[in-house]
Amino acid sequence: MAGRIKRKQAQAAGVPRLFSATIRCPLCERAIPPAQRDAHHLVPKSRGGRQTVVLHRICHRQVHALFSEAELERDYPTIDALRSHPRMALFINWLRPKPDDFFERTRASLRLRRR
């Protein structure tokens, strides 16, 4: 949990609070219940990324199940780039009709498991 100073800095910068009333997931465009919110670094933190967006937990896990950190940095550093990937688009289309609090176990892709 962020400290008091970081929360004030985030509010001043216009960053949505993780526990505010209604936040929409930029990937699936559904409302995110407070218990299902995850902050995602668009460029992985281990690779110098600082900008975060709030995603559904299931969407966040799917991103990391499909892409390595190198791929996220090089090819998918924006929400639009993530949405344009065919496997991510299939996942989003499958997820959209589900309830906002829907969650299911996510498995890493075979390509990532073989490494």
C-alpha atoms as a PDB file:
ATOM      1  CA  MET A   1       0.000   0.000   0.000  1.00  0.00           C
ATOM      2  CA  ALA A   2       1.320   3.414  -0.883  1.00  0.00           C
ATOM      3  CA  GLY A   3       2.148   5.827   1.904  1.00  0.00           C
ATOM      4  CA  ARG A   4       0.340   9.083   2.589  1.00  0.00           C
ATOM      5  CA  ILE A   5       2.809  11.194   0.570  1.00  0.00           C
ATOM      6  CA  LYS A   6       2.698   8.912  -2.476  1.00  0.00           C
ATOM      7  CA  ARG A   7      -1.122   8.893  -2.378  1.00  0.00           C
ATOM      8  CA  LYS A   8      -1.176  12.706  -2.357  1.00  0.00           C
ATOM      9  CA  GLN A   9       1.328  12.844  -5.238  1.00  0.00           C
ATOM     10  CA  ALA A  10      -0.744  10.373  -7.236  1.00  0.00           C
ATOM     11  CA  GLN A  11      -3.942  12.349  -6.623  1.00  0.00           C
ATOM     12  CA  ALA A  12      -2.223  15.570  -7.681  1.00  0.00           C
ATOM     13  CA  ALA A  13      -1.019  13.872 -10.883  1.00  0.00           C
ATOM     14  CA  GLY A  14      -4.555  12.674 -11.681  1.00  0.00           C
ATOM     15  CA  VAL A  15      -3.816   8.969 -11.156  1.00  0.00           C
ATOM     16  CA  PRO A  16      -7.027   7.107 -10.233  1.00  0.00           C
ATOM     17  CA  ARG A  17      -7.004   5.656  -6.726  1.00  0.00           C
ATOM     18  CA  LEU A  18      -7.139   1.859  -6.587  1.00  0.00           C
ATOM     19  CA  PHE A  19     -10.123   1.964  -4.228  1.00  0.00           C
ATOM     20  CA  SER A  20     -12.192   4.768  -5.739  1.00  0.00           C
ATOM     21  CA  ALA A  21     -15.816   4.192  -6.744  1.00  0.00           C
ATOM     22  CA  THR A  22     -15.730   3.239 -10.439  1.00  0.00           C
ATOM     23  CA  ILE A  23     -12.697   2.440 -12.514  1.00  0.00           C
ATOM     24  CA  ARG A  24     -12.990   0.855 -15.945  1.00  0.00           C
ATOM     25  CA  CYS A  25     -10.423  -1.619 -17.212  1.00  0.00           C
ATOM     26  CA  PRO A  26      -8.746  -0.137 -20.300  1.00  0.00           C
ATOM     27  CA  LEU A  27      -8.444  -3.604 -21.867  1.00  0.00           C
ATOM     28  CA  CYS A  28     -11.924  -5.113 -21.451  1.00  0.00           C
ATOM     29  CA  GLU A  29     -13.746  -1.835 -20.662  1.00  0.00           C
ATOM     30  CA  ARG A  30     -15.719  -3.376 -17.777  1.00  0.00           C
ATOM     31  CA  ALA A  31     -16.016  -1.820 -14.311  1.00  0.00           C
ATOM     32  CA  ILE A  32     -13.395  -3.173 -11.910  1.00  0.00           C
ATOM     33  CA  PRO A  33     -14.601  -4.112  -8.405  1.00  0.00           C
ATOM     34  CA  PRO A  34     -12.169  -3.016  -5.642  1.00  0.00           C
ATOM     35  CA  ALA A  35     -11.151  -6.626  -4.889  1.00  0.00           C
ATOM     36  CA  GLN A  36     -10.187  -7.261  -8.539  1.00  0.00           C
ATOM     37  CA  ARG A  37      -7.893  -4.246  -9.163  1.00  0.00           C
ATOM     38  CA  ASP A  38      -4.246  -4.679 -10.122  1.00  0.00           C
ATOM     39  CA  ALA A  39      -1.739  -2.003 -11.110  1.00  0.00           C
ATOM     40  CA  HIS A  40       0.125  -2.944 -14.311  1.00  0.00           C
ATOM     41  CA  HIS A  41       3.399  -1.336 -15.405  1.00  0.00           C
ATOM     42  CA  LEU A  42       3.080  -0.731 -19.155  1.00  0.00           C
ATOM     43  CA  VAL A  43       6.859  -1.163 -19.443  1.00  0.00           C
ATOM     44  CA  PRO A  44       7.961  -3.684 -16.786  1.00  0.00           C
ATOM     45  CA  LYS A  45       9.414  -2.118 -13.672  1.00  0.00           C
ATOM     46  CA  SER A  46      12.497  -4.336 -14.020  1.00  0.00           C
ATOM     47  CA  ARG A  47      13.141  -2.627 -17.369  1.00  0.00           C
ATOM     48  CA  GLY A  48      12.765   0.922 -16.094  1.00  0.00           C
ATOM     49  CA  GLY A  49       9.006   1.349 -16.483  1.00  0.00           C
ATOM     50  CA  ARG A  50       7.204   3.777 -14.221  1.00  0.00           C
ATOM     51  CA  GLN A  51       3.778   4.379 -15.762  1.00  0.00           C
ATOM     52  CA  THR A  52       1.015   2.139 -14.436  1.00  0.00           C
ATOM     53  CA  VAL A  53      -2.605   1.518 -15.345  1.00  0.00           C
ATOM     54  CA  VAL A  54      -5.272  -0.228 -13.284  1.00  0.00           C
ATOM     55  CA  LEU A  55      -6.518  -3.490 -14.839  1.00  0.00           C
ATOM     56  CA  HIS A  56      -8.847  -6.300 -13.835  1.00  0.00           C
ATOM     57  CA  ARG A  57      -6.826  -8.972 -12.064  1.00  0.00           C
ATOM     58  CA  ILE A  58      -7.779 -11.524 -14.744  1.00  0.00           C
ATOM     59  CA  CYS A  59      -6.709  -9.152 -17.551  1.00  0.00           C
ATOM     60  CA  HIS A  60      -3.415  -8.413 -15.792  1.00  0.00           C
ATOM     61  CA  ARG A  61      -2.661 -12.102 -15.356  1.00  0.00           C
ATOM     62  CA  GLN A  62      -3.508 -12.793 -18.989  1.00  0.00           C
ATOM     63  CA  VAL A  63      -1.071 -10.095 -20.145  1.00  0.00           C
ATOM     64  CA  HIS A  64       1.737 -11.711 -18.157  1.00  0.00           C
ATOM     65  CA  ALA A  65       0.703 -15.206 -19.241  1.00  0.00           C
ATOM     66  CA  LEU A  66       1.001 -14.259 -22.929  1.00  0.00           C
ATOM     67  CA  PHE A  67       4.031 -11.959 -23.001  1.00  0.00           C
ATOM     68  CA  SER A  68       7.533 -11.954 -21.570  1.00  0.00           C
ATOM     69  CA  GLU A  69       8.909  -8.790 -19.994  1.00  0.00           C
ATOM     70  CA  ALA A  70      11.116  -8.205 -23.030  1.00  0.00           C
ATOM     71  CA  GLU A  71       8.082  -8.423 -25.348  1.00  0.00           C
ATOM     72  CA  LEU A  72       6.083  -6.044 -23.140  1.00  0.00           C
ATOM     73  CA  GLU A  73       8.893  -3.498 -23.261  1.00  0.00           C
ATOM     74  CA  ARG A  74       9.688  -3.867 -26.967  1.00  0.00           C
ATOM     75  CA  ASP A  75       6.343  -4.608 -28.663  1.00  0.00           C
ATOM     76  CA  TYR A  76       3.466  -3.888 -26.239  1.00  0.00           C
ATOM     77  CA  PRO A  77       4.198  -0.756 -24.164  1.00  0.00           C
ATOM     78  CA  THR A  78       0.662   0.669 -24.652  1.00  0.00           C
ATOM     79  CA  ILE A  79      -2.892  -0.506 -24.079  1.00  0.00           C
ATOM     80  CA  ASP A  80      -3.650  -0.206 -27.818  1.00  0.00           C
ATOM     81  CA  ALA A  81      -0.679  -2.420 -28.651  1.00  0.00           C
ATOM     82  CA  LEU A  82      -1.858  -5.049 -26.143  1.00  0.00           C
ATOM     83  CA  ARG A  83      -5.400  -4.963 -27.550  1.00  0.00           C
ATOM     84  CA  SER A  84      -4.104  -5.402 -31.103  1.00  0.00           C
ATOM     85  CA  HIS A  85      -2.480  -8.785 -30.391  1.00  0.00           C
ATOM     86  CA  PRO A  86      -4.747 -11.562 -31.792  1.00  0.00           C
ATOM     87  CA  ARG A  87      -4.640 -13.798 -28.682  1.00  0.00           C
ATOM     88  CA  MET A  88      -5.348 -10.858 -26.396  1.00  0.00           C
ATOM     89  CA  ALA A  89      -8.253  -9.797 -28.634  1.00  0.00           C
ATOM     90  CA  LEU A  90      -9.730 -13.311 -28.375  1.00  0.00           C
ATOM     91  CA  PHE A  91      -9.394 -13.203 -24.595  1.00  0.00           C
ATOM     92  CA  ILE A  92     -11.068  -9.781 -24.379  1.00  0.00           C
ATOM     93  CA  ASN A  93     -13.976 -10.900 -26.592  1.00  0.00           C
ATOM     94  CA  TRP A  94     -14.407 -14.010 -24.407  1.00  0.00           C
ATOM     95  CA  LEU A  95     -14.280 -11.949 -21.194  1.00  0.00           C
ATOM     96  CA  ARG A  96     -16.570  -9.018 -22.103  1.00  0.00           C
ATOM     97  CA  PRO A  97     -19.952 -10.729 -21.474  1.00  0.00           C
ATOM     98  CA  LYS A  98     -18.800 -12.061 -18.073  1.00  0.00           C
ATOM     99  CA  PRO A  99     -19.801 -10.293 -14.823  1.00  0.00           C
ATOM    100  CA  ASP A 100     -17.452  -7.572 -13.550  1.00  0.00           C
ATOM    101  CA  ASP A 101     -16.249  -9.711 -10.624  1.00  0.00           C
ATOM    102  CA  PHE A 102     -15.594 -12.823 -12.772  1.00  0.00           C
ATOM    103  CA  PHE A 103     -12.237 -14.500 -12.137  1.00  0.00           C
ATOM    104  CA  GLU A 104     -10.737 -17.713 -13.447  1.00  0.00           C
ATOM    105  CA  ARG A 105      -7.301 -19.276 -13.149  1.00  0.00           C
ATOM    106  CA  THR A 106      -4.907 -18.146 -15.880  1.00  0.00           C
ATOM    107  CA  ARG A 107      -2.229 -20.424 -17.311  1.00  0.00           C
ATOM    108  CA  ALA A 108       1.000 -19.279 -18.932  1.00  0.00           C
ATOM    109  CA  SER A 109       1.162 -19.903 -22.653  1.00  0.00           C
ATOM    110  CA  LEU A 110       3.072 -22.996 -23.789  1.00  0.00           C
ATOM    111  CA  ARG A 111       5.614 -20.749 -25.473  1.00  0.00           C
ATOM    112  CA  LEU A 112       6.463 -19.073 -22.158  1.00  0.00           C
ATOM    113  CA  ARG A 113       6.389 -22.340 -20.171  1.00  0.00           C
ATOM    114  CA  ARG A 114       8.976 -23.955 -22.465  1.00  0.00           C
ATOM    115  CA  ARG A 115      11.637 -21.362 -21.612  1.00  0.00           C
END
